[in-house]
Amino acid sequence: MSATVLTASALLLDMDGTLVNSDAVVERCWRRWALKHGLDPEAALKVVHGRQGYATMAVLLPDRPVEENYADNRAMLAEETADVDGVVPIGGAPAFMATIADLPHALVTSADSALAAARMGAAELPMPAVRVTAEQVGASKPDPEGFLKGAAELGFDPADCIVFEDSEAGIAAGRAAGMRVVGVGPRAAALAPDVHVEDLTRVRVEAAGDGSIRLHITTA
């Protein structure tokens, strides 16, 4: 075991795969969609994480009109919002969220507000007061827009923020925003984040006397 200490002014948190384990729902819904469109479900699941649905569809069906992707995305969001079977918190997430409750932080997710509320509620995690959801951005991750908006709303420079992410698209978005990235979970392990943890039990949060946030991170 080794320990790393990172200091920041604010934390920007992805939801799926970072705070909430929703893989069971995501896989059920996207497998059905892939089969309906004659695609290999396993290949589809390699690109779904971290992006908004329409962006995933554009990768998988590059020649399809974008209007059809938006229509399918709306249907997919409704389906995912109604299905919370198997949605649970990532290890350590309840304690982590309780520790940062009074510290500057925001949720930055590719889910829309209804889906975010459904999954955070199913996992029994508190919804951050500051959140950037799909409705508030014009471009999906890996575009940095969501993280930059989160930093701006909290009132901090991007370089003073740390992103928690699990997916390739999300980690790329954090990097493009000029932020340091803590990678969470198995998907993040191979993506070279600044620091990688198996789950949030490996992160201890300390509020420093100067108002900054210190993250004491235990890595394997």
Protein backbone atom coordinates (compact mmCIF):
# COMPACT_ATOMS: atom_id res chain seq x y z
CA MET A 1 0.00 0.00 0.00
CA SER A 2 1.09 3.58 -0.67
CA ALA A 3 -0.50 6.91 0.16
CA THR A 4 -0.96 10.04 -1.92
CA VAL A 5 -2.16 13.43 -0.69
CA LEU A 6 -3.91 15.78 -3.11
CA THR A 7 -5.06 19.29 -2.25
CA ALA A 8 -7.96 21.06 -3.95
CA SER A 9 -10.50 23.81 -3.49
CA ALA A 10 -13.47 21.81 -4.82
CA LEU A 11 -14.47 18.31 -5.90
CA LEU A 12 -16.40 17.47 -9.07
CA LEU A 13 -18.09 14.08 -8.94
CA ASP A 14 -19.34 11.86 -11.71
CA MET A 15 -22.30 9.65 -10.69
CA ASP A 16 -22.51 6.29 -12.50
CA GLY A 17 -19.57 4.07 -11.67
CA THR A 18 -18.14 6.69 -9.32
CA LEU A 19 -20.77 7.20 -6.61
CA VAL A 20 -23.45 4.78 -7.80
CA ASN A 21 -23.09 1.29 -9.23
CA SER A 22 -25.75 1.21 -11.94
CA ASP A 23 -24.00 -1.25 -14.24
CA ALA A 24 -26.82 -3.81 -14.02
CA VAL A 25 -29.39 -1.32 -15.35
CA VAL A 26 -27.07 0.14 -17.98
CA GLU A 27 -26.22 -3.30 -19.31
CA ARG A 28 -29.85 -4.45 -19.40
CA CYS A 29 -31.03 -1.38 -21.31
CA TRP A 30 -28.13 -1.14 -23.73
CA ARG A 31 -28.10 -4.86 -24.52
CA ARG A 32 -31.76 -4.58 -25.57
CA TRP A 33 -31.03 -1.50 -27.66
CA ALA A 34 -28.00 -3.07 -29.36
CA LEU A 35 -29.87 -6.25 -30.26
CA LYS A 36 -32.79 -4.23 -31.61
CA HIS A 37 -30.37 -2.46 -33.98
CA GLY A 38 -28.43 -5.55 -35.01
CA LEU A 39 -25.32 -4.67 -33.03
CA ASP A 40 -23.05 -6.80 -30.86
CA PRO A 41 -24.08 -6.03 -27.25
CA GLU A 42 -20.58 -6.65 -25.91
CA ALA A 43 -19.07 -4.19 -28.37
CA ALA A 44 -21.76 -1.64 -27.49
CA LEU A 45 -21.08 -1.92 -23.77
CA LYS A 46 -17.45 -0.97 -24.34
CA VAL A 47 -18.44 2.58 -25.35
CA VAL A 48 -21.61 3.36 -23.37
CA HIS A 49 -20.08 4.40 -20.05
CA GLY A 50 -19.64 8.09 -19.33
CA ARG A 51 -21.36 9.51 -22.40
CA GLN A 52 -24.87 10.76 -22.94
CA GLY A 53 -26.93 8.18 -24.81
CA TYR A 54 -27.17 10.08 -28.09
CA ALA A 55 -23.37 10.37 -28.18
CA THR A 56 -22.98 6.62 -27.68
CA MET A 57 -25.50 5.98 -30.46
CA ALA A 58 -23.56 8.28 -32.78
CA VAL A 59 -20.43 6.20 -32.17
CA LEU A 60 -22.24 2.90 -32.74
CA LEU A 61 -24.39 4.04 -35.68
CA PRO A 62 -22.34 6.83 -37.29
CA ASP A 63 -24.49 7.07 -40.42
CA ARG A 64 -27.82 7.40 -38.63
CA PRO A 65 -29.53 10.82 -38.55
CA VAL A 66 -28.88 12.64 -35.27
CA GLU A 67 -32.62 13.23 -34.81
CA GLU A 68 -33.12 9.47 -34.48
CA ASN A 69 -30.36 9.31 -31.87
CA TYR A 70 -32.01 12.08 -29.85
CA ALA A 71 -35.38 10.29 -30.05
CA ASP A 72 -33.87 6.98 -28.94
CA ASN A 73 -31.97 8.80 -26.19
CA ARG A 74 -35.21 10.18 -24.75
CA ALA A 75 -36.73 6.70 -24.74
CA MET A 76 -33.59 5.23 -23.18
CA LEU A 77 -33.57 7.84 -20.39
CA ALA A 78 -37.19 7.05 -19.53
CA GLU A 79 -36.42 3.34 -19.48
CA GLU A 80 -33.34 3.77 -17.29
CA THR A 81 -35.12 6.13 -14.90
CA ALA A 82 -37.89 3.59 -14.33
CA ASP A 83 -35.43 0.75 -13.65
CA VAL A 84 -33.45 1.03 -10.42
CA ASP A 85 -33.21 -2.70 -9.72
CA GLY A 86 -29.67 -3.43 -8.56
CA VAL A 87 -28.65 0.23 -8.19
CA VAL A 88 -26.39 0.46 -5.12
CA PRO A 89 -23.74 2.84 -3.79
CA ILE A 90 -20.11 2.36 -4.74
CA GLY A 91 -18.08 1.09 -1.78
CA GLY A 92 -17.39 3.95 0.65
CA ALA A 93 -19.72 6.40 -1.12
CA PRO A 94 -22.13 7.01 1.81
CA ALA A 95 -19.31 7.92 4.21
CA PHE A 96 -17.50 9.93 1.52
CA MET A 97 -20.60 12.00 0.74
CA ALA A 98 -21.25 12.60 4.43
CA THR A 99 -17.67 13.84 4.90
CA ILE A 100 -17.83 16.34 2.03
CA ALA A 101 -21.36 17.60 2.80
CA ASP A 102 -20.14 21.02 3.94
CA LEU A 103 -17.23 21.27 1.48
CA PRO A 104 -17.39 22.69 -2.07
CA HIS A 105 -18.50 19.92 -4.40
CA ALA A 106 -20.76 19.34 -7.39
CA LEU A 107 -22.27 16.43 -9.28
CA VAL A 108 -21.32 16.43 -12.98
CA THR A 109 -23.18 13.63 -14.74
CA SER A 110 -24.22 12.61 -18.24
CA ALA A 111 -27.59 11.60 -16.77
CA ASP A 112 -30.50 14.03 -16.93
CA SER A 113 -31.97 15.42 -13.70
CA ALA A 114 -34.69 12.76 -13.41
CA LEU A 115 -32.27 9.87 -13.89
CA ALA A 116 -29.76 11.41 -11.49
CA ALA A 117 -32.45 11.80 -8.83
CA ALA A 118 -33.67 8.22 -9.36
CA ARG A 119 -30.22 6.66 -9.06
CA MET A 120 -28.93 8.79 -6.19
CA GLY A 121 -32.20 8.08 -4.39
CA ALA A 122 -32.02 4.34 -5.03
CA ALA A 123 -28.46 4.32 -3.67
CA GLU A 124 -29.60 6.44 -0.69
CA LEU A 125 -26.97 9.09 -1.37
CA PRO A 126 -27.56 12.82 -0.81
CA MET A 127 -27.98 14.91 -3.95
CA PRO A 128 -25.38 17.71 -4.07
CA ALA A 129 -26.85 21.22 -4.08
CA VAL A 130 -24.72 22.06 -7.12
CA ARG A 131 -25.15 19.73 -10.06
CA VAL A 132 -24.58 19.78 -13.80
CA THR A 133 -26.83 17.32 -15.63
CA ALA A 134 -27.42 16.52 -19.29
CA GLU A 135 -29.93 19.33 -19.74
CA GLN A 136 -27.31 21.95 -18.85
CA VAL A 137 -24.64 21.11 -21.42
CA GLY A 138 -24.47 21.30 -25.18
CA ALA A 139 -21.79 18.63 -25.52
CA SER A 140 -21.43 15.25 -23.81
CA LYS A 141 -18.27 14.00 -22.13
CA PRO A 142 -15.47 13.67 -23.29
CA ASP A 143 -16.10 17.36 -23.93
CA PRO A 144 -15.02 19.30 -20.79
CA GLU A 145 -18.09 21.58 -20.76
CA GLY A 146 -19.79 19.91 -17.80
CA PHE A 147 -16.75 20.01 -15.55
CA LEU A 148 -15.97 23.61 -16.51
CA LYS A 149 -19.56 24.59 -15.69
CA GLY A 150 -19.35 22.82 -12.35
CA ALA A 151 -16.14 24.65 -11.43
CA ALA A 152 -17.61 28.00 -12.50
CA GLU A 153 -20.79 27.48 -10.50
CA LEU A 154 -18.75 26.65 -7.41
CA GLY A 155 -16.57 29.69 -8.07
CA PHE A 156 -13.18 28.01 -8.46
CA ASP A 157 -10.55 27.81 -11.18
CA PRO A 158 -10.45 24.48 -13.03
CA ALA A 159 -6.88 23.85 -11.88
CA ASP A 160 -8.06 24.01 -8.27
CA CYS A 161 -10.66 21.27 -8.78
CA ILE A 162 -10.31 17.50 -8.61
CA VAL A 163 -12.55 15.22 -10.68
CA PHE A 164 -13.72 11.78 -9.56
CA GLU A 165 -14.48 9.60 -12.60
CA ASP A 166 -14.68 5.98 -13.72
CA SER A 167 -14.97 6.05 -17.53
CA GLU A 168 -12.71 6.79 -20.46
CA ALA A 169 -14.97 9.61 -21.66
CA GLY A 170 -15.17 11.12 -18.18
CA ILE A 171 -11.47 10.97 -17.48
CA ALA A 172 -10.77 12.55 -20.87
CA ALA A 173 -13.28 15.32 -20.05
CA GLY A 174 -11.61 16.03 -16.72
CA ARG A 175 -8.20 16.22 -18.33
CA ALA A 176 -9.49 18.47 -21.10
CA ALA A 177 -10.88 20.79 -18.41
CA GLY A 178 -7.39 21.12 -16.94
CA MET A 179 -8.27 19.25 -13.77
CA ARG A 180 -6.63 16.42 -11.86
CA VAL A 181 -8.52 13.14 -11.95
CA VAL A 182 -9.04 10.44 -9.35
CA GLY A 183 -10.04 7.30 -11.24
CA VAL A 184 -12.53 5.08 -9.41
CA GLY A 185 -13.14 1.38 -10.02
CA PRO A 186 -12.02 -1.22 -12.56
CA ARG A 187 -12.76 0.74 -15.76
CA ALA A 188 -10.50 3.57 -14.65
CA ALA A 189 -7.52 1.38 -13.81
CA ALA A 190 -6.21 1.20 -17.38
CA LEU A 191 -6.88 4.85 -18.23
CA ALA A 192 -3.94 6.46 -16.41
CA PRO A 193 -5.78 8.90 -14.12
CA ASP A 194 -3.60 10.93 -11.77
CA VAL A 195 -4.50 8.49 -8.99
CA HIS A 196 -6.55 5.29 -9.11
CA VAL A 197 -8.59 3.74 -6.29
CA GLU A 198 -10.65 0.55 -6.20
CA ASP A 199 -13.50 2.41 -4.51
CA LEU A 200 -14.14 5.35 -2.19
CA THR A 201 -13.13 3.46 0.96
CA ARG A 202 -9.58 4.33 -0.15
CA VAL A 203 -10.19 8.10 0.11
CA ARG A 204 -10.06 10.03 3.39
CA VAL A 205 -11.15 13.66 3.21
CA GLU A 206 -9.70 16.35 5.47
CA ALA A 207 -10.90 19.96 5.64
CA ALA A 208 -7.74 22.03 6.01
CA GLY A 209 -7.56 25.16 8.13
CA ASP A 210 -6.99 27.37 5.07
CA GLY A 211 -10.28 26.26 3.50
CA SER A 212 -8.73 23.77 1.11
CA ILE A 213 -9.62 20.08 0.85
CA ARG A 214 -6.98 17.43 1.40
CA LEU A 215 -7.54 13.97 -0.02
CA HIS A 216 -5.56 11.19 1.61
CA ILE A 217 -5.67 8.41 -0.97
CA THR A 218 -4.51 4.86 -0.35
CA THR A 219 -3.51 3.00 -3.48
CA ALA A 220 -2.46 -0.62 -3.97
